[in-house]
Amino acid sequence: RIVCDVPCSGDGTFRKHRDKWGHWLPHQGRKLHSVQLQIALRAAALLKVGGRMVYSTCSLNPLEDEAVVCALLMKTQGALSVVRCRETLK
């Protein structure tokens, strides 16, 4: 099992940390996307067959979340799949 908690813009924490609004820029997600994908790809390479990886950010930006997962799935050419957590956590 691997938890892949990547660096992110933190825009999902604005409600708790209102001071972050002053530092947030719209292009931060684009800048972080490639490093997030690189980390996720490295984590995927370390997985054993049948292993599980959780990709985690504290961002709400689709460029940092869904787009990274989509790129990861495309680059691994079917070696990985998305699993619904609700069923596995019961």
PDB file of N, CA and C in Angstrom:
ATOM      1  N   ARG A   1       0.843  -1.185   0.000  1.00  0.00           N
ATOM      2  CA  ARG A   1       0.000   0.000   0.000  1.00  0.00           C
ATOM      3  C   ARG A   1       0.880   1.238   0.000  1.00  0.00           C
ATOM      4  N   ILE A   2       0.481   2.193  -0.814  1.00  0.00           N
ATOM      5  CA  ILE A   2       1.227   3.455  -0.901  1.00  0.00           C
ATOM      6  C   ILE A   2       0.246   4.611  -0.814  1.00  0.00           C
ATOM      7  N   VAL A   3       0.548   5.559   0.058  1.00  0.00           N
ATOM      8  CA  VAL A   3      -0.199   6.811   0.112  1.00  0.00           C
ATOM      9  C   VAL A   3       0.642   7.848  -0.607  1.00  0.00           C
ATOM     10  N   CYS A   4       0.085   8.392  -1.651  1.00  0.00           N
ATOM     11  CA  CYS A   4       0.783   9.369  -2.484  1.00  0.00           C
ATOM     12  C   CYS A   4       0.177  10.743  -2.189  1.00  0.00           C
ATOM     13  N   ASP A   5       0.670  11.399  -1.139  1.00  0.00           N
ATOM     14  CA  ASP A   5       0.173  12.706  -0.702  1.00  0.00           C
ATOM     15  C   ASP A   5       1.095  13.767  -1.305  1.00  0.00           C
ATOM     16  N   VAL A   6       0.695  14.296  -2.439  1.00  0.00           N
ATOM     17  CA  VAL A   6       1.570  15.161  -3.235  1.00  0.00           C
ATOM     18  C   VAL A   6       1.461  16.624  -2.810  1.00  0.00           C
ATOM     19  N   PRO A   7       2.508  17.422  -3.097  1.00  0.00           N
ATOM     20  CA  PRO A   7       2.414  18.853  -2.833  1.00  0.00           C
ATOM     21  C   PRO A   7       1.308  19.462  -3.693  1.00  0.00           C
ATOM     22  N   CYS A   8       0.579  20.421  -3.136  1.00  0.00           N
ATOM     23  CA  CYS A   8      -0.538  21.003  -3.878  1.00  0.00           C
ATOM     24  C   CYS A   8      -0.697  22.479  -3.532  1.00  0.00           C
ATOM     25  N   SER A   9      -1.614  23.126  -4.223  1.00  0.00           N
ATOM     26  CA  SER A   9      -1.865  24.549  -3.994  1.00  0.00           C
ATOM     27  C   SER A   9      -2.559  24.804  -2.667  1.00  0.00           C
ATOM     28  N   GLY A  10      -3.198  23.800  -2.099  1.00  0.00           N
ATOM     29  CA  GLY A  10      -3.855  23.948  -0.808  1.00  0.00           C
ATOM     30  C   GLY A  10      -5.161  24.707  -0.853  1.00  0.00           C
ATOM     31  N   ASP A  11      -5.714  24.886  -2.053  1.00  0.00           N
ATOM     32  CA  ASP A  11      -6.936  25.695  -2.145  1.00  0.00           C
ATOM     33  C   ASP A  11      -8.141  25.043  -1.466  1.00  0.00           C
ATOM     34  N   GLY A  12      -8.026  23.793  -1.088  1.00  0.00           N
ATOM     35  CA  GLY A  12      -9.098  23.141  -0.358  1.00  0.00           C
ATOM     36  C   GLY A  12      -9.116  23.500   1.119  1.00  0.00           C
ATOM     37  N   THR A  13      -8.112  24.243   1.561  1.00  0.00           N
ATOM     38  CA  THR A  13      -8.037  24.623   2.975  1.00  0.00           C
ATOM     39  C   THR A  13      -8.374  26.091   3.207  1.00  0.00           C
ATOM     40  N   PHE A  14      -8.877  26.772   2.198  1.00  0.00           N
ATOM     41  CA  PHE A  14      -9.147  28.211   2.326  1.00  0.00           C
ATOM     42  C   PHE A  14     -10.125  28.538   3.446  1.00  0.00           C
ATOM     43  N   ARG A  15     -11.069  27.665   3.676  1.00  0.00           N
ATOM     44  CA  ARG A  15     -12.043  27.937   4.724  1.00  0.00           C
ATOM     45  C   ARG A  15     -11.376  27.965   6.102  1.00  0.00           C
ATOM     46  N   LYS A  16     -10.408  27.072   6.295  1.00  0.00           N
ATOM     47  CA  LYS A  16      -9.674  27.038   7.560  1.00  0.00           C
ATOM     48  C   LYS A  16      -8.576  28.085   7.627  1.00  0.00           C
ATOM     49  N   HIS A  17      -7.935  28.327   6.503  1.00  0.00           N
ATOM     50  CA  HIS A  17      -6.780  29.234   6.445  1.00  0.00           C
ATOM     51  C   HIS A  17      -7.077  30.375   5.473  1.00  0.00           C
ATOM     52  N   ARG A  18      -7.832  31.314   5.927  1.00  0.00           N
ATOM     53  CA  ARG A  18      -8.278  32.416   5.059  1.00  0.00           C
ATOM     54  C   ARG A  18      -7.121  33.249   4.505  1.00  0.00           C
ATOM     55  N   ASP A  19      -6.001  33.272   5.184  1.00  0.00           N
ATOM     56  CA  ASP A  19      -4.842  34.039   4.712  1.00  0.00           C
ATOM     57  C   ASP A  19      -4.266  33.493   3.409  1.00  0.00           C
ATOM     58  N   LYS A  20      -4.562  32.236   3.079  1.00  0.00           N
ATOM     59  CA  LYS A  20      -4.061  31.641   1.828  1.00  0.00           C
ATOM     60  C   LYS A  20      -4.642  32.324   0.585  1.00  0.00           C
ATOM     61  N   TRP A  21      -5.818  32.927   0.706  1.00  0.00           N
ATOM     62  CA  TRP A  21      -6.424  33.615  -0.439  1.00  0.00           C
ATOM     63  C   TRP A  21      -5.474  34.659  -1.021  1.00  0.00           C
ATOM     64  N   GLY A  22      -4.739  35.337  -0.176  1.00  0.00           N
ATOM     65  CA  GLY A  22      -3.822  36.379  -0.638  1.00  0.00           C
ATOM     66  C   GLY A  22      -2.646  35.859  -1.426  1.00  0.00           C
ATOM     67  N   HIS A  23      -2.342  34.573  -1.286  1.00  0.00           N
ATOM     68  CA  HIS A  23      -1.194  33.968  -1.976  1.00  0.00           C
ATOM     69  C   HIS A  23      -1.593  33.085  -3.146  1.00  0.00           C
ATOM     70  N   TRP A  24      -2.897  32.829  -3.292  1.00  0.00           N
ATOM     71  CA  TRP A  24      -3.368  31.915  -4.326  1.00  0.00           C
ATOM     72  C   TRP A  24      -3.350  32.576  -5.698  1.00  0.00           C
ATOM     73  N   LEU A  25      -2.918  31.830  -6.704  1.00  0.00           N
ATOM     74  CA  LEU A  25      -2.930  32.286  -8.096  1.00  0.00           C
ATOM     75  C   LEU A  25      -3.543  31.185  -8.954  1.00  0.00           C
ATOM     76  N   PRO A  26      -4.333  31.554  -9.963  1.00  0.00           N
ATOM     77  CA  PRO A  26      -5.025  30.547 -10.776  1.00  0.00           C
ATOM     78  C   PRO A  26      -4.097  29.547 -11.468  1.00  0.00           C
ATOM     79  N   HIS A  27      -2.882  29.951 -11.781  1.00  0.00           N
ATOM     80  CA  HIS A  27      -1.985  29.066 -12.534  1.00  0.00           C
ATOM     81  C   HIS A  27      -1.221  28.080 -11.644  1.00  0.00           C
ATOM     82  N   GLN A  28      -1.396  28.119 -10.339  1.00  0.00           N
ATOM     83  CA  GLN A  28      -0.656  27.217  -9.453  1.00  0.00           C
ATOM     84  C   GLN A  28      -0.934  25.744  -9.766  1.00  0.00           C
ATOM     85  N   GLY A  29      -2.170  25.418 -10.068  1.00  0.00           N
ATOM     86  CA  GLY A  29      -2.507  24.035 -10.404  1.00  0.00           C
ATOM     87  C   GLY A  29      -1.764  23.539 -11.630  1.00  0.00           C
ATOM     88  N   ARG A  30      -1.630  24.407 -12.640  1.00  0.00           N
ATOM     89  CA  ARG A  30      -0.885  24.025 -13.857  1.00  0.00           C
ATOM     90  C   ARG A  30       0.582  23.788 -13.530  1.00  0.00           C
ATOM     91  N   LYS A  31       1.142  24.627 -12.670  1.00  0.00           N
ATOM     92  CA  LYS A  31       2.553  24.493 -12.315  1.00  0.00           C
ATOM     93  C   LYS A  31       2.812  23.204 -11.531  1.00  0.00           C
ATOM     94  N   LEU A  32       1.852  22.807 -10.716  1.00  0.00           N
ATOM     95  CA  LEU A  32       2.036  21.637  -9.863  1.00  0.00           C
ATOM     96  C   LEU A  32       1.693  20.314 -10.551  1.00  0.00           C
ATOM     97  N   HIS A  33       0.906  20.374 -11.602  1.00  0.00           N
ATOM     98  CA  HIS A  33       0.422  19.157 -12.259  1.00  0.00           C
ATOM     99  C   HIS A  33       1.555  18.199 -12.625  1.00  0.00           C
ATOM    100  N   SER A  34       2.605  18.686 -13.236  1.00  0.00           N
ATOM    101  CA  SER A  34       3.671  17.791 -13.708  1.00  0.00           C
ATOM    102  C   SER A  34       4.419  17.135 -12.555  1.00  0.00           C
ATOM    103  N   VAL A  35       4.699  17.871 -11.496  1.00  0.00           N
ATOM    104  CA  VAL A  35       5.414  17.258 -10.366  1.00  0.00           C
ATOM    105  C   VAL A  35       4.494  16.267  -9.640  1.00  0.00           C
ATOM    106  N   GLN A  36       3.213  16.576  -9.553  1.00  0.00           N
ATOM    107  CA  GLN A  36       2.265  15.641  -8.950  1.00  0.00           C
ATOM    108  C   GLN A  36       2.200  14.345  -9.755  1.00  0.00           C
ATOM    109  N   LEU A  37       2.176  14.478 -11.062  1.00  0.00           N
ATOM    110  CA  LEU A  37       2.138  13.298 -11.927  1.00  0.00           C
ATOM    111  C   LEU A  37       3.429  12.495 -11.805  1.00  0.00           C
ATOM    112  N   GLN A  38       4.567  13.160 -11.749  1.00  0.00           N
ATOM    113  CA  GLN A  38       5.848  12.457 -11.597  1.00  0.00           C
ATOM    114  C   GLN A  38       5.886  11.650 -10.301  1.00  0.00           C
ATOM    115  N   ILE A  39       5.404  12.255  -9.216  1.00  0.00           N
ATOM    116  CA  ILE A  39       5.386  11.558  -7.924  1.00  0.00           C
ATOM    117  C   ILE A  39       4.438  10.365  -7.987  1.00  0.00           C
ATOM    118  N   ALA A  40       3.269  10.558  -8.579  1.00  0.00           N
ATOM    119  CA  ALA A  40       2.293   9.472  -8.697  1.00  0.00           C
ATOM    120  C   ALA A  40       2.837   8.332  -9.563  1.00  0.00           C
ATOM    121  N   LEU A  41       3.523   8.672 -10.640  1.00  0.00           N
ATOM    122  CA  LEU A  41       4.119   7.641 -11.501  1.00  0.00           C
ATOM    123  C   LEU A  41       5.200   6.855 -10.755  1.00  0.00           C
ATOM    124  N   ARG A  42       5.981   7.546  -9.955  1.00  0.00           N
ATOM    125  CA  ARG A  42       7.018   6.858  -9.170  1.00  0.00           C
ATOM    126  C   ARG A  42       6.372   5.929  -8.147  1.00  0.00           C
ATOM    127  N   ALA A  43       5.320   6.409  -7.497  1.00  0.00           N
ATOM    128  CA  ALA A  43       4.602   5.577  -6.527  1.00  0.00           C
ATOM    129  C   ALA A  43       4.017   4.347  -7.217  1.00  0.00           C
ATOM    130  N   ALA A  44       3.441   4.543  -8.398  1.00  0.00           N
ATOM    131  CA  ALA A  44       2.866   3.421  -9.148  1.00  0.00           C
ATOM    132  C   ALA A  44       3.943   2.402  -9.511  1.00  0.00           C
ATOM    133  N   ALA A  45       5.125   2.884  -9.842  1.00  0.00           N
ATOM    134  CA  ALA A  45       6.226   1.975 -10.194  1.00  0.00           C
ATOM    135  C   ALA A  45       6.672   1.148  -8.990  1.00  0.00           C
ATOM    136  N   LEU A  46       6.468   1.659  -7.792  1.00  0.00           N
ATOM    137  CA  LEU A  46       6.871   0.943  -6.578  1.00  0.00           C
ATOM    138  C   LEU A  46       5.813  -0.053  -6.093  1.00  0.00           C
ATOM    139  N   LEU A  47       4.609   0.047  -6.646  1.00  0.00           N
ATOM    140  CA  LEU A  47       3.519  -0.842  -6.232  1.00  0.00           C
ATOM    141  C   LEU A  47       3.783  -2.285  -6.648  1.00  0.00           C
ATOM    142  N   LYS A  48       3.444  -3.202  -5.771  1.00  0.00           N
ATOM    143  CA  LYS A  48       3.455  -4.615  -6.148  1.00  0.00           C
ATOM    144  C   LYS A  48       2.180  -4.899  -6.938  1.00  0.00           C
ATOM    145  N   VAL A  49       2.191  -5.924  -7.735  1.00  0.00           N
ATOM    146  CA  VAL A  49       0.987  -6.329  -8.464  1.00  0.00           C
ATOM    147  C   VAL A  49      -0.112  -6.608  -7.442  1.00  0.00           C
ATOM    148  N   GLY A  50      -1.275  -6.021  -7.664  1.00  0.00           N
ATOM    149  CA  GLY A  50      -2.391  -6.173  -6.733  1.00  0.00           C
ATOM    150  C   GLY A  50      -2.359  -5.195  -5.575  1.00  0.00           C
ATOM    151  N   GLY A  51      -1.322  -4.346  -5.524  1.00  0.00           N
ATOM    152  CA  GLY A  51      -1.205  -3.367  -4.448  1.00  0.00           C
ATOM    153  C   GLY A  51      -2.180  -2.216  -4.626  1.00  0.00           C
ATOM    154  N   ARG A  52      -2.264  -1.362  -3.617  1.00  0.00           N
ATOM    155  CA  ARG A  52      -3.168  -0.212  -3.675  1.00  0.00           C
ATOM    156  C   ARG A  52      -2.401   1.072  -3.441  1.00  0.00           C
ATOM    157  N   MET A  53      -2.767   2.077  -4.207  1.00  0.00           N
ATOM    158  CA  MET A  53      -2.187   3.399  -4.048  1.00  0.00           C
ATOM    159  C   MET A  53      -3.323   4.391  -3.861  1.00  0.00           C
ATOM    160  N   VAL A  54      -3.169   5.280  -2.908  1.00  0.00           N
ATOM    161  CA  VAL A  54      -4.123   6.358  -2.692  1.00  0.00           C
ATOM    162  C   VAL A  54      -3.440   7.649  -3.115  1.00  0.00           C
ATOM    163  N   TYR A  55      -4.075   8.398  -4.018  1.00  0.00           N
ATOM    164  CA  TYR A  55      -3.565   9.696  -4.459  1.00  0.00           C
ATOM    165  C   TYR A  55      -4.300  10.768  -3.670  1.00  0.00           C
ATOM    166  N   SER A  56      -3.565  11.652  -3.004  1.00  0.00           N
ATOM    167  CA  SER A  56      -4.182  12.601  -2.095  1.00  0.00           C
ATOM    168  C   SER A  56      -3.625  14.011  -2.267  1.00  0.00           C
ATOM    169  N   THR A  57      -4.532  14.996  -2.265  1.00  0.00           N
ATOM    170  CA  THR A  57      -4.162  16.410  -2.193  1.00  0.00           C
ATOM    171  C   THR A  57      -5.141  17.099  -1.249  1.00  0.00           C
ATOM    172  N   CYS A  58      -4.845  18.333  -0.881  1.00  0.00           N
ATOM    173  CA  CYS A  58      -5.818  19.148  -0.142  1.00  0.00           C
ATOM    174  C   CYS A  58      -6.325  20.261  -1.067  1.00  0.00           C
ATOM    175  N   SER A  59      -6.351  19.964  -2.343  1.00  0.00           N
ATOM    176  CA  SER A  59      -6.799  20.907  -3.361  1.00  0.00           C
ATOM    177  C   SER A  59      -8.162  20.493  -3.900  1.00  0.00           C
ATOM    178  N   LEU A  60      -8.912  21.477  -4.357  1.00  0.00           N
ATOM    179  CA  LEU A  60     -10.178  21.220  -5.033  1.00  0.00           C
ATOM    180  C   LEU A  60     -10.047  21.418  -6.540  1.00  0.00           C
ATOM    181  N   ASN A  61      -8.851  21.735  -6.989  1.00  0.00           N
ATOM    182  CA  ASN A  61      -8.582  22.047  -8.388  1.00  0.00           C
ATOM    183  C   ASN A  61      -8.534  20.763  -9.217  1.00  0.00           C
ATOM    184  N   PRO A  62      -9.385  20.636 -10.226  1.00  0.00           N
ATOM    185  CA  PRO A  62      -9.376  19.429 -11.063  1.00  0.00           C
ATOM    186  C   PRO A  62      -8.042  19.178 -11.769  1.00  0.00           C
ATOM    187  N   LEU A  63      -7.250  20.229 -12.004  1.00  0.00           N
ATOM    188  CA  LEU A  63      -5.925  20.033 -12.623  1.00  0.00           C
ATOM    189  C   LEU A  63      -4.985  19.286 -11.691  1.00  0.00           C
ATOM    190  N   GLU A  64      -5.214  19.411 -10.398  1.00  0.00           N
ATOM    191  CA  GLU A  64      -4.363  18.747  -9.419  1.00  0.00           C
ATOM    192  C   GLU A  64      -4.928  17.397  -8.988  1.00  0.00           C
ATOM    193  N   ASP A  65      -6.179  17.163  -9.267  1.00  0.00           N
ATOM    194  CA  ASP A  65      -6.826  15.930  -8.815  1.00  0.00           C
ATOM    195  C   ASP A  65      -7.201  15.043 -10.001  1.00  0.00           C
ATOM    196  N   GLU A  66      -8.370  15.265 -10.581  1.00  0.00           N
ATOM    197  CA  GLU A  66      -8.859  14.403 -11.659  1.00  0.00           C
ATOM    198  C   GLU A  66      -7.917  14.345 -12.855  1.00  0.00           C
ATOM    199  N   ALA A  67      -7.319  15.478 -13.217  1.00  0.00           N
ATOM    200  CA  ALA A  67      -6.427  15.485 -14.385  1.00  0.00           C
ATOM    201  C   ALA A  67      -5.156  14.669 -14.130  1.00  0.00           C
ATOM    202  N   VAL A  68      -4.652  14.699 -12.912  1.00  0.00           N
ATOM    203  CA  VAL A  68      -3.465  13.900 -12.580  1.00  0.00           C
ATOM    204  C   VAL A  68      -3.814  12.413 -12.607  1.00  0.00           C
ATOM    205  N   VAL A  69      -4.952  12.063 -12.006  1.00  0.00           N
ATOM    206  CA  VAL A  69      -5.371  10.658 -11.998  1.00  0.00           C
ATOM    207  C   VAL A  69      -5.605  10.166 -13.425  1.00  0.00           C
ATOM    208  N   CYS A  70      -6.234  10.981 -14.247  1.00  0.00           N
ATOM    209  CA  CYS A  70      -6.485  10.611 -15.642  1.00  0.00           C
ATOM    210  C   CYS A  70      -5.162  10.394 -16.391  1.00  0.00           C
ATOM    211  N   ALA A  71      -4.220  11.313 -16.230  1.00  0.00           N
ATOM    212  CA  ALA A  71      -2.916  11.180 -16.892  1.00  0.00           C
ATOM    213  C   ALA A  71      -2.180   9.943 -16.377  1.00  0.00           C
ATOM    214  N   LEU A  72      -2.282   9.670 -15.088  1.00  0.00           N
ATOM    215  CA  LEU A  72      -1.651   8.490 -14.502  1.00  0.00           C
ATOM    216  C   LEU A  72      -2.225   7.212 -15.113  1.00  0.00           C
ATOM    217  N   LEU A  73      -3.540   7.161 -15.235  1.00  0.00           N
ATOM    218  CA  LEU A  73      -4.182   5.984 -15.830  1.00  0.00           C
ATOM    219  C   LEU A  73      -3.776   5.806 -17.291  1.00  0.00           C
ATOM    220  N   MET A  74      -3.680   6.909 -18.028  1.00  0.00           N
ATOM    221  CA  MET A  74      -3.284   6.817 -19.440  1.00  0.00           C
ATOM    222  C   MET A  74      -1.830   6.370 -19.577  1.00  0.00           C
ATOM    223  N   LYS A  75      -0.941   6.928 -18.753  1.00  0.00           N
ATOM    224  CA  LYS A  75       0.485   6.606 -18.867  1.00  0.00           C
ATOM    225  C   LYS A  75       0.806   5.180 -18.414  1.00  0.00           C
ATOM    226  N   THR A  76      -0.001   4.640 -17.525  1.00  0.00           N
ATOM    227  CA  THR A  76       0.261   3.280 -17.056  1.00  0.00           C
ATOM    228  C   THR A  76      -0.446   2.234 -17.915  1.00  0.00           C
ATOM    229  N   GLN A  77      -1.160   2.666 -18.927  1.00  0.00           N
ATOM    230  CA  GLN A  77      -1.736   1.809 -19.970  1.00  0.00           C
ATOM    231  C   GLN A  77      -2.471   0.582 -19.436  1.00  0.00           C
ATOM    232  N   GLY A  78      -3.369   0.810 -18.494  1.00  0.00           N
ATOM    233  CA  GLY A  78      -4.196  -0.282 -17.992  1.00  0.00           C
ATOM    234  C   GLY A  78      -3.635  -1.032 -16.807  1.00  0.00           C
ATOM    235  N   ALA A  79      -2.434  -0.692 -16.369  1.00  0.00           N
ATOM    236  CA  ALA A  79      -1.847  -1.379 -15.216  1.00  0.00           C
ATOM    237  C   ALA A  79      -2.511  -0.968 -13.912  1.00  0.00           C
ATOM    238  N   LEU A  80      -3.151   0.199 -13.902  1.00  0.00           N
ATOM    239  CA  LEU A  80      -3.843   0.711 -12.718  1.00  0.00           C
ATOM    240  C   LEU A  80      -5.316   0.899 -13.022  1.00  0.00           C
ATOM    241  N   SER A  81      -6.126   0.879 -11.978  1.00  0.00           N
ATOM    242  CA  SER A  81      -7.548   1.177 -12.140  1.00  0.00           C
ATOM    243  C   SER A  81      -8.039   1.923 -10.910  1.00  0.00           C
ATOM    244  N   VAL A  82      -9.130   2.646 -11.079  1.00  0.00           N
ATOM    245  CA  VAL A  82      -9.737   3.381  -9.975  1.00  0.00           C
ATOM    246  C   VAL A  82     -10.649   2.427  -9.216  1.00  0.00           C
ATOM    247  N   VAL A  83     -10.551   2.462  -7.899  1.00  0.00           N
ATOM    248  CA  VAL A  83     -11.375   1.617  -7.037  1.00  0.00           C
ATOM    249  C   VAL A  83     -12.216   2.529  -6.155  1.00  0.00           C
ATOM    250  N   ARG A  84     -13.503   2.221  -6.048  1.00  0.00           N
ATOM    251  CA  ARG A  84     -14.381   2.995  -5.167  1.00  0.00           C
ATOM    252  C   ARG A  84     -13.997   2.701  -3.714  1.00  0.00           C
ATOM    253  N   CYS A  85     -13.704   3.728  -2.971  1.00  0.00           N
ATOM    254  CA  CYS A  85     -13.284   3.559  -1.577  1.00  0.00           C
ATOM    255  C   CYS A  85     -14.407   3.124  -0.656  1.00  0.00           C
ATOM    256  N   ARG A  86     -15.597   3.564  -0.936  1.00  0.00           N
ATOM    257  CA  ARG A  86     -16.707   3.268  -0.041  1.00  0.00           C
ATOM    258  C   ARG A  86     -16.844   1.763   0.209  1.00  0.00           C
ATOM    259  N   GLU A  87     -16.749   0.965  -0.849  1.00  0.00           N
ATOM    260  CA  GLU A  87     -16.890  -0.483  -0.702  1.00  0.00           C
ATOM    261  C   GLU A  87     -15.698  -1.115   0.006  1.00  0.00           C
ATOM    262  N   THR A  88     -14.502  -0.582  -0.209  1.00  0.00           N
ATOM    263  CA  THR A  88     -13.307  -1.202   0.360  1.00  0.00           C
ATOM    264  C   THR A  88     -13.088  -0.828   1.823  1.00  0.00           C
ATOM    265  N   LEU A  89     -13.723   0.246   2.295  1.00  0.00           N
ATOM    266  CA  LEU A  89     -13.522   0.693   3.669  1.00  0.00           C
ATOM    267  C   LEU A  89     -14.529   0.119   4.657  1.00  0.00           C
ATOM    268  N   LYS A  90     -15.495  -0.632   4.162  1.00  0.00           N
ATOM    269  CA  LYS A  90     -16.507  -1.202   5.066  1.00  0.00           C
ATOM    270  C   LYS A  90     -15.950  -2.322   5.886  1.00  0.00           C
TER     271      LYS A  90
END
